[in-house]
């Protein structure tokens, strides 16, 4: 298994170079931010989440008329049964 490159930087340097550190982290490099000599934070990319469906998300947005509840004409029913 290949070893990932690791970068440790101070909080002050991280503030100054945040964009560069984000690019390195998204490229797969371990980016550690330290307070003095003590590591305190690891910068990691966020994986995109798959969109999920939520039950009831369209509640109140769709309108129906009385015609929706009327029986279908025989030729409509025949078309659905094919």
N, C-alpha and C. Protein backbone atom coordinates (compact mmCIF):
# COMPACT_ATOMS: atom_id res chain seq x y z
N UNK A 1 0.84 -1.18 0.00
CA UNK A 1 0.00 0.00 0.00
C UNK A 1 0.89 1.24 0.00
N UNK A 2 0.62 2.17 -0.87
CA UNK A 2 1.44 3.37 -1.00
C UNK A 2 1.22 4.32 0.18
N UNK A 3 2.30 4.91 0.65
CA UNK A 3 2.24 5.88 1.74
C UNK A 3 1.80 7.23 1.18
N UNK A 4 0.85 7.87 1.84
CA UNK A 4 0.41 9.20 1.43
C UNK A 4 1.39 10.24 1.95
N UNK A 5 1.62 11.26 1.14
CA UNK A 5 2.49 12.36 1.57
C UNK A 5 1.82 13.08 2.74
N UNK A 6 2.62 13.59 3.65
CA UNK A 6 2.07 14.26 4.82
C UNK A 6 2.71 15.64 4.95
N UNK A 7 1.86 16.64 5.17
CA UNK A 7 2.31 18.00 5.39
C UNK A 7 1.82 18.46 6.75
N UNK A 8 2.72 18.98 7.56
CA UNK A 8 2.34 19.56 8.85
C UNK A 8 2.69 21.04 8.79
N UNK A 9 1.72 21.86 9.18
CA UNK A 9 1.91 23.30 9.13
C UNK A 9 1.34 23.95 10.38
N UNK A 10 1.83 25.14 10.71
CA UNK A 10 1.33 25.85 11.89
C UNK A 10 0.00 26.53 11.55
N UNK A 11 -0.72 26.93 12.57
CA UNK A 11 -2.00 27.61 12.37
C UNK A 11 -1.80 28.89 11.58
N UNK A 12 -0.78 29.65 11.91
CA UNK A 12 -0.50 30.91 11.21
C UNK A 12 -0.22 30.66 9.73
N UNK A 13 0.61 29.68 9.43
CA UNK A 13 0.93 29.36 8.03
C UNK A 13 -0.32 28.82 7.31
N UNK A 14 -1.17 28.09 8.03
CA UNK A 14 -2.39 27.55 7.41
C UNK A 14 -3.33 28.68 7.03
N UNK A 15 -3.42 29.72 7.87
CA UNK A 15 -4.27 30.87 7.53
C UNK A 15 -3.76 31.54 6.26
N UNK A 16 -2.46 31.67 6.15
CA UNK A 16 -1.85 32.34 5.01
C UNK A 16 -1.97 31.52 3.73
N UNK A 17 -1.89 30.21 3.84
CA UNK A 17 -1.85 29.33 2.66
C UNK A 17 -3.03 28.38 2.57
N UNK A 18 -4.19 28.78 3.07
CA UNK A 18 -5.33 27.87 3.13
C UNK A 18 -5.72 27.31 1.76
N UNK A 19 -5.78 28.15 0.74
CA UNK A 19 -6.16 27.67 -0.60
C UNK A 19 -5.22 26.58 -1.09
N UNK A 20 -3.93 26.78 -0.91
CA UNK A 20 -2.93 25.78 -1.34
C UNK A 20 -3.08 24.49 -0.55
N UNK A 21 -3.33 24.62 0.76
CA UNK A 21 -3.50 23.43 1.59
C UNK A 21 -4.75 22.64 1.19
N UNK A 22 -5.81 23.36 0.84
CA UNK A 22 -7.04 22.69 0.39
C UNK A 22 -6.77 21.92 -0.90
N UNK A 23 -6.05 22.53 -1.82
CA UNK A 23 -5.70 21.84 -3.08
C UNK A 23 -4.89 20.58 -2.80
N UNK A 24 -3.95 20.66 -1.88
CA UNK A 24 -3.13 19.49 -1.56
C UNK A 24 -3.97 18.39 -0.91
N UNK A 25 -4.88 18.79 -0.03
CA UNK A 25 -5.74 17.80 0.64
C UNK A 25 -6.67 17.11 -0.36
N UNK A 26 -7.24 17.88 -1.29
CA UNK A 26 -8.13 17.28 -2.29
C UNK A 26 -7.36 16.40 -3.26
N UNK A 27 -6.05 16.61 -3.38
CA UNK A 27 -5.21 15.78 -4.24
C UNK A 27 -4.80 14.48 -3.52
N UNK A 28 -5.19 14.33 -2.26
CA UNK A 28 -4.92 13.10 -1.54
C UNK A 28 -3.82 13.18 -0.49
N UNK A 29 -3.24 14.34 -0.31
CA UNK A 29 -2.16 14.49 0.66
C UNK A 29 -2.74 14.69 2.06
N UNK A 30 -2.07 14.13 3.08
CA UNK A 30 -2.46 14.37 4.48
C UNK A 30 -1.98 15.76 4.86
N UNK A 31 -2.89 16.61 5.30
CA UNK A 31 -2.52 17.96 5.73
C UNK A 31 -2.89 18.09 7.20
N UNK A 32 -1.88 18.28 8.04
CA UNK A 32 -2.06 18.40 9.48
C UNK A 32 -1.76 19.84 9.88
N UNK A 33 -2.64 20.43 10.68
CA UNK A 33 -2.42 21.77 11.20
C UNK A 33 -2.09 21.62 12.69
N UNK A 34 -0.98 22.25 13.08
CA UNK A 34 -0.48 22.08 14.45
C UNK A 34 -0.46 23.41 15.20
N UNK A 35 -0.66 23.30 16.50
CA UNK A 35 -0.51 24.45 17.41
C UNK A 35 0.81 24.22 18.13
N UNK A 36 1.82 24.98 17.69
CA UNK A 36 3.17 24.72 18.18
C UNK A 36 3.64 23.41 17.58
N UNK A 37 4.03 22.47 18.44
CA UNK A 37 4.47 21.15 17.98
C UNK A 37 3.37 20.10 18.08
N UNK A 38 2.19 20.51 18.57
CA UNK A 38 1.10 19.56 18.80
C UNK A 38 0.10 19.58 17.64
N UNK A 39 -0.06 18.47 16.93
CA UNK A 39 -1.06 18.41 15.86
C UNK A 39 -2.46 18.53 16.45
N UNK A 40 -3.30 19.38 15.86
CA UNK A 40 -4.65 19.57 16.39
C UNK A 40 -5.75 19.28 15.36
N UNK A 41 -5.45 19.43 14.07
CA UNK A 41 -6.49 19.28 13.05
C UNK A 41 -5.91 18.59 11.81
N UNK A 42 -6.72 17.73 11.19
CA UNK A 42 -6.35 17.14 9.91
C UNK A 42 -7.33 17.69 8.87
N UNK A 43 -6.79 18.23 7.79
CA UNK A 43 -7.59 18.78 6.70
C UNK A 43 -7.86 17.65 5.71
N UNK A 44 -9.14 17.32 5.52
CA UNK A 44 -9.52 16.23 4.60
C UNK A 44 -10.62 16.70 3.67
N UNK A 45 -10.65 16.20 2.43
CA UNK A 45 -11.72 16.58 1.52
C UNK A 45 -13.03 15.90 1.89
N UNK A 46 -14.12 16.52 1.55
CA UNK A 46 -15.44 15.95 1.79
C UNK A 46 -15.89 15.26 0.52
N UNK A 47 -16.32 14.02 0.66
CA UNK A 47 -16.83 13.28 -0.49
C UNK A 47 -18.24 13.77 -0.79
N UNK A 48 -18.56 13.99 -2.07
CA UNK A 48 -19.91 14.45 -2.40
C UNK A 48 -20.95 13.41 -1.98
N UNK A 49 -22.02 13.89 -1.38
CA UNK A 49 -23.08 12.98 -0.95
C UNK A 49 -24.06 12.75 -2.07
N UNK A 50 -24.53 11.53 -2.16
CA UNK A 50 -25.52 11.19 -3.15
C UNK A 50 -26.86 11.80 -2.71
N UNK A 51 -27.53 12.44 -3.66
CA UNK A 51 -28.82 13.06 -3.34
C UNK A 51 -29.79 11.98 -2.86
N UNK A 52 -30.48 12.26 -1.79
CA UNK A 52 -31.43 11.29 -1.27
C UNK A 52 -32.85 11.83 -1.42
N UNK A 53 -33.76 10.91 -1.53
CA UNK A 53 -35.17 11.30 -1.63
C UNK A 53 -35.74 11.43 -0.22
N UNK A 54 -36.58 12.42 -0.05
CA UNK A 54 -37.19 12.64 1.26
C UNK A 54 -38.69 12.46 1.13
N UNK A 55 -39.27 11.59 1.93
CA UNK A 55 -40.70 11.32 1.89
C UNK A 55 -41.46 12.60 2.23
N UNK A 56 -42.44 12.95 1.40
CA UNK A 56 -43.27 14.12 1.65
C UNK A 56 -42.67 15.43 1.17
N UNK A 57 -41.61 15.38 0.39
CA UNK A 57 -40.95 16.61 -0.05
C UNK A 57 -41.85 17.47 -0.93
N UNK A 58 -42.81 16.88 -1.62
CA UNK A 58 -43.70 17.63 -2.51
C UNK A 58 -45.04 17.96 -1.84
N UNK A 59 -45.17 17.68 -0.55
CA UNK A 59 -46.43 17.93 0.15
C UNK A 59 -46.83 19.40 0.00
N UNK A 60 -48.06 19.62 -0.45
CA UNK A 60 -48.58 20.97 -0.59
C UNK A 60 -48.22 21.65 -1.90
N UNK A 61 -47.42 21.00 -2.74
CA UNK A 61 -47.01 21.62 -4.01
C UNK A 61 -47.84 21.15 -5.20
N UNK A 62 -48.40 19.97 -5.13
CA UNK A 62 -49.18 19.43 -6.24
C UNK A 62 -50.67 19.63 -5.95
N UNK A 63 -51.38 20.07 -6.95
CA UNK A 63 -52.83 20.30 -6.80
C UNK A 63 -53.58 19.35 -7.73
N UNK A 64 -54.72 18.86 -7.26
CA UNK A 64 -55.57 18.01 -8.09
C UNK A 64 -56.97 18.61 -8.13
N UNK A 65 -57.66 18.34 -9.20
CA UNK A 65 -59.05 18.78 -9.33
C UNK A 65 -59.95 17.57 -9.15
N UNK A 66 -61.25 17.80 -9.14
CA UNK A 66 -62.21 16.70 -9.01
C UNK A 66 -62.08 15.71 -10.16
N UNK A 67 -61.69 16.20 -11.33
CA UNK A 67 -61.55 15.33 -12.50
C UNK A 67 -60.54 14.21 -12.26
N UNK A 68 -59.58 14.44 -11.39
CA UNK A 68 -58.58 13.42 -11.08
C UNK A 68 -59.23 12.16 -10.51
N UNK A 69 -60.31 12.35 -9.74
CA UNK A 69 -60.96 11.23 -9.07
C UNK A 69 -62.10 10.61 -9.88
N UNK A 70 -62.42 11.16 -11.02
CA UNK A 70 -63.46 10.62 -11.88
C UNK A 70 -62.97 9.33 -12.53
N UNK A 71 -63.87 8.38 -12.81
CA UNK A 71 -63.46 7.14 -13.48
C UNK A 71 -62.94 7.45 -14.89
N UNK A 72 -62.00 6.63 -15.34
CA UNK A 72 -61.45 6.79 -16.67
C UNK A 72 -62.45 6.30 -17.72
N UNK A 73 -62.36 6.88 -18.89
CA UNK A 73 -63.20 6.43 -20.01
C UNK A 73 -62.74 5.02 -20.41
N UNK A 74 -63.64 4.21 -20.94
CA UNK A 74 -63.30 2.83 -21.31
C UNK A 74 -62.09 2.74 -22.25
N UNK A 75 -61.99 3.66 -23.23
CA UNK A 75 -60.85 3.60 -24.14
C UNK A 75 -59.53 3.92 -23.41
N UNK A 76 -59.55 4.78 -22.37
CA UNK A 76 -58.36 5.06 -21.56
C UNK A 76 -57.95 3.82 -20.78
N UNK A 77 -58.91 3.14 -20.17
CA UNK A 77 -58.62 1.92 -19.41
C UNK A 77 -58.02 0.86 -20.34
N UNK A 78 -58.59 0.73 -21.53
CA UNK A 78 -58.07 -0.25 -22.50
C UNK A 78 -56.63 0.07 -22.87
N UNK A 79 -56.31 1.34 -23.02
CA UNK A 79 -54.94 1.74 -23.38
C UNK A 79 -53.95 1.37 -22.26
N UNK A 80 -54.38 1.47 -21.02
CA UNK A 80 -53.49 1.13 -19.90
C UNK A 80 -53.31 -0.39 -19.75
N UNK A 81 -54.29 -1.13 -20.17
CA UNK A 81 -54.24 -2.59 -20.00
C UNK A 81 -53.47 -3.31 -21.09
N UNK A 82 -53.03 -2.59 -22.11
CA UNK A 82 -52.28 -3.25 -23.21
C UNK A 82 -50.95 -3.69 -22.78
